[in-house]
C-alpha atoms as a PDB file:
ATOM      1  CA  MET A   1     -23.458  -7.000 -19.247  1.00  0.00           C
ATOM      2  CA  LYS A   2     -24.029  -4.368 -17.030  1.00  0.00           C
ATOM      3  CA  LYS A   3     -21.084  -5.303 -14.592  1.00  0.00           C
ATOM      4  CA  ILE A   4     -19.064  -5.520 -17.481  1.00  0.00           C
ATOM      5  CA  LEU A   5     -19.478  -1.769 -18.528  1.00  0.00           C
ATOM      6  CA  ILE A   6     -19.017  -0.469 -15.068  1.00  0.00           C
ATOM      7  CA  ILE A   7     -15.427  -2.173 -14.416  1.00  0.00           C
ATOM      8  CA  LEU A   8     -14.676  -1.218 -17.863  1.00  0.00           C
ATOM      9  CA  LEU A   9     -15.449   2.921 -16.787  1.00  0.00           C
ATOM     10  CA  ALA A  10     -14.171   2.153 -13.526  1.00  0.00           C
ATOM     11  CA  LEU A  11     -10.558   0.709 -14.666  1.00  0.00           C
ATOM     12  CA  PRO A  12      -9.300   4.633 -15.945  1.00  0.00           C
ATOM     13  CA  LEU A  13     -10.302   6.043 -13.182  1.00  0.00           C
ATOM     14  CA  GLY A  14      -8.180   4.169 -10.584  1.00  0.00           C
ATOM     15  CA  MET A  15      -5.061   4.971 -12.864  1.00  0.00           C
ATOM     16  CA  VAL A  16      -5.803   8.086 -12.811  1.00  0.00           C
ATOM     17  CA  ALA A  17      -5.982   8.071  -9.132  1.00  0.00           C
ATOM     18  CA  GLN A  18      -2.772   6.470  -9.038  1.00  0.00           C
ATOM     19  CA  GLU A  19      -0.554   8.931 -11.010  1.00  0.00           C
ATOM     20  CA  LYS A  20      -2.322  11.701  -8.694  1.00  0.00           C
ATOM     21  CA  GLN A  21      -0.402   9.965  -6.180  1.00  0.00           C
ATOM     22  CA  LYS A  22       2.709   9.956  -7.933  1.00  0.00           C
ATOM     23  CA  LYS A  23       2.356  13.497  -8.421  1.00  0.00           C
ATOM     24  CA  ILE A  24       3.693  14.069  -4.716  1.00  0.00           C
ATOM     25  CA  THR A  25       7.136  15.025  -3.908  1.00  0.00           C
ATOM     26  CA  LYS A  26       8.802  15.989  -0.451  1.00  0.00           C
ATOM     27  CA  ALA A  27      11.567  18.446  -0.114  1.00  0.00           C
ATOM     28  CA  GLN A  28      13.636  19.573   2.906  1.00  0.00           C
ATOM     29  CA  PHE A  29      15.236  22.854   3.031  1.00  0.00           C
ATOM     30  CA  THR A  30      17.131  25.536   5.948  1.00  0.00           C
ATOM     31  CA  VAL A  31      15.111  28.585   6.696  1.00  0.00           C
ATOM     32  CA  LYS A  32      16.277  30.564   9.522  1.00  0.00           C
ATOM     33  CA  GLY A  33      14.102  31.332  12.101  1.00  0.00           C
ATOM     34  CA  ASN A  34      14.523  31.670  16.390  1.00  0.00           C
ATOM     35  CA  CYS A  35      10.888  30.223  18.024  1.00  0.00           C
ATOM     36  CA  GLU A  36       7.365  29.407  17.834  1.00  0.00           C
ATOM     37  CA  VAL A  37       6.340  32.333  16.353  1.00  0.00           C
ATOM     38  CA  CYS A  38       8.459  31.722  13.400  1.00  0.00           C
ATOM     39  CA  GLU A  39       7.640  28.618  13.065  1.00  0.00           C
ATOM     40  CA  LYS A  40       3.878  29.421  12.990  1.00  0.00           C
ATOM     41  CA  ARG A  41       4.964  32.482  10.210  1.00  0.00           C
ATOM     42  CA  ILE A  42       6.968  29.755   7.852  1.00  0.00           C
ATOM     43  CA  GLU A  43       4.698  27.255   7.870  1.00  0.00           C
ATOM     44  CA  LYS A  44       1.727  29.530   7.327  1.00  0.00           C
ATOM     45  CA  ALA A  45       3.500  30.580   4.711  1.00  0.00           C
ATOM     46  CA  ALA A  46       4.380  27.570   3.040  1.00  0.00           C
ATOM     47  CA  LEU A  47       0.979  26.121   3.401  1.00  0.00           C
ATOM     48  CA  SER A  48      -1.075  28.851   1.473  1.00  0.00           C
ATOM     49  CA  ILE A  49       0.506  28.236  -1.466  1.00  0.00           C
ATOM     50  CA  LYS A  50      -1.700  26.146  -4.200  1.00  0.00           C
ATOM     51  CA  GLY A  51       0.252  22.000  -4.057  1.00  0.00           C
ATOM     52  CA  VAL A  52       1.599  22.638  -0.758  1.00  0.00           C
ATOM     53  CA  LYS A  53       0.024  19.444   1.479  1.00  0.00           C
ATOM     54  CA  SER A  54       2.335  19.647   4.636  1.00  0.00           C
ATOM     55  CA  ALA A  55       4.628  22.071   6.219  1.00  0.00           C
ATOM     56  CA  ASP A  56       6.744  21.274   9.608  1.00  0.00           C
ATOM     57  CA  TRP A  57       9.675  23.711  10.287  1.00  0.00           C
ATOM     58  CA  ASP A  58      11.833  22.299  13.137  1.00  0.00           C
ATOM     59  CA  ILE A  59      13.454  25.123  15.362  1.00  0.00           C
ATOM     60  CA  PRO A  60      16.320  23.537  16.436  1.00  0.00           C
ATOM     61  CA  SER A  61      17.818  22.153  13.101  1.00  0.00           C
ATOM     62  CA  ASN A  62      16.047  25.283  11.153  1.00  0.00           C
ATOM     63  CA  GLN A  63      14.967  22.505   8.497  1.00  0.00           C
ATOM     64  CA  ILE A  64      11.685  22.727   7.310  1.00  0.00           C
ATOM     65  CA  ASN A  65       9.815  19.236   5.318  1.00  0.00           C
ATOM     66  CA  LEU A  66       7.561  20.012   3.063  1.00  0.00           C
ATOM     67  CA  ILE A  67       5.289  17.401   0.821  1.00  0.00           C
ATOM     68  CA  TYR A  68       3.785  19.302  -2.840  1.00  0.00           C
ATOM     69  CA  ASP A  69       2.383  19.045  -5.795  1.00  0.00           C
ATOM     70  CA  PRO A  70       5.589  20.000  -8.260  1.00  0.00           C
ATOM     71  CA  ASN A  71       3.054  20.005 -11.157  1.00  0.00           C
ATOM     72  CA  LYS A  72       1.178  23.217  -8.620  1.00  0.00           C
ATOM     73  CA  VAL A  73       4.206  24.924  -7.465  1.00  0.00           C
ATOM     74  CA  SER A  74       7.722  25.007  -7.746  1.00  0.00           C
ATOM     75  CA  LEU A  75      10.452  24.669  -5.413  1.00  0.00           C
ATOM     76  CA  GLU A  76      11.595  28.128  -6.098  1.00  0.00           C
ATOM     77  CA  THR A  77       8.502  29.619  -5.515  1.00  0.00           C
ATOM     78  CA  LEU A  78       8.380  28.060  -2.391  1.00  0.00           C
ATOM     79  CA  HIS A  79      11.705  29.870  -0.984  1.00  0.00           C
ATOM     80  CA  THR A  80      10.679  33.004  -2.455  1.00  0.00           C
ATOM     81  CA  SER A  81       7.203  33.049  -0.487  1.00  0.00           C
ATOM     82  CA  ILE A  82       8.637  32.309   2.641  1.00  0.00           C
ATOM     83  CA  ALA A  83      11.410  34.585   1.891  1.00  0.00           C
ATOM     84  CA  GLU A  84       8.676  37.359   1.327  1.00  0.00           C
ATOM     85  CA  LYS A  85       7.933  37.091   4.856  1.00  0.00           C
ATOM     86  CA  GLY A  86      11.252  37.572   6.402  1.00  0.00           C
ATOM     87  CA  HIS A  87      13.251  34.166   6.268  1.00  0.00           C
ATOM     88  CA  ASP A  88      16.028  33.475   4.631  1.00  0.00           C
ATOM     89  CA  THR A  89      16.015  30.159   2.891  1.00  0.00           C
ATOM     90  CA  SER A  90      19.103  27.981   1.791  1.00  0.00           C
ATOM     91  CA  GLU A  91      18.082  29.580  -1.992  1.00  0.00           C
ATOM     92  CA  ALA A  92      16.464  32.985  -1.331  1.00  0.00           C
ATOM     93  CA  ARG A  93      17.138  35.733   0.773  1.00  0.00           C
ATOM     94  CA  SER A  94      14.654  37.952   2.676  1.00  0.00           C
ATOM     95  CA  LYS A  95      14.386  41.718   1.375  1.00  0.00           C
ATOM     96  CA  ASP A  96      15.735  44.191   4.293  1.00  0.00           C
ATOM     97  CA  GLU A  97      12.524  45.672   4.592  1.00  0.00           C
ATOM     98  CA  ASP A  98      11.212  42.004   5.187  1.00  0.00           C
ATOM     99  CA  TYR A  99      13.573  40.957   7.178  1.00  0.00           C
ATOM    100  CA  ASP A 100      13.119  44.572   9.793  1.00  0.00           C
ATOM    101  CA  LYS A 101       9.251  44.160   9.973  1.00  0.00           C
ATOM    102  CA  LEU A 102       9.753  40.632  12.389  1.00  0.00           C
ATOM    103  CA  PRO A 103       9.299  40.840  15.886  1.00  0.00           C
ATOM    104  CA  LYS A 104      13.038  41.131  17.815  1.00  0.00           C
ATOM    105  CA  CYS A 105      12.519  37.744  19.124  1.00  0.00           C
ATOM    106  CA  CYS A 106      12.139  36.361  15.564  1.00  0.00           C
ATOM    107  CA  GLN A 107      15.011  38.447  14.124  1.00  0.00           C
ATOM    108  CA  TYR A 108      18.016  35.488  13.891  1.00  0.00           C
ATOM    109  CA  VAL A 109      21.485  36.456  12.781  1.00  0.00           C
ATOM    110  CA  ARG A 110      22.125  36.766   8.841  1.00  0.00           C
ATOM    111  CA  GLU A 111      24.774  36.129   6.923  1.00  0.00           C
ATOM    112  CA  GLU A 112      26.470  38.389   4.900  1.00  0.00           C
ATOM    113  CA  LEU A 113      26.199  38.259   1.073  1.00  0.00           C
END
């Protein structure tokens, strides 16, 4: 009888764990930058947001690959948070004052609005 009770209690827990795994989402988008210093800043900005599991920015392609939980953070928030550190994304432009705070080696060529 105890074994049946344990199985019945464990079954719903297994289902909840499977649902949590399904909520993880991958995203890739452009983030402007130049160097390893940019890479550290961009990845740190993304990873500092609750719900982001992984962030990897590639220097030559200027692409960031993210794994995140969309129930905890929106894609819009990710773009905005990175832009606040001075790096334009494909969906958010950083403020001029944030861009100007970047070291000279990190100041990439910005597209005009």
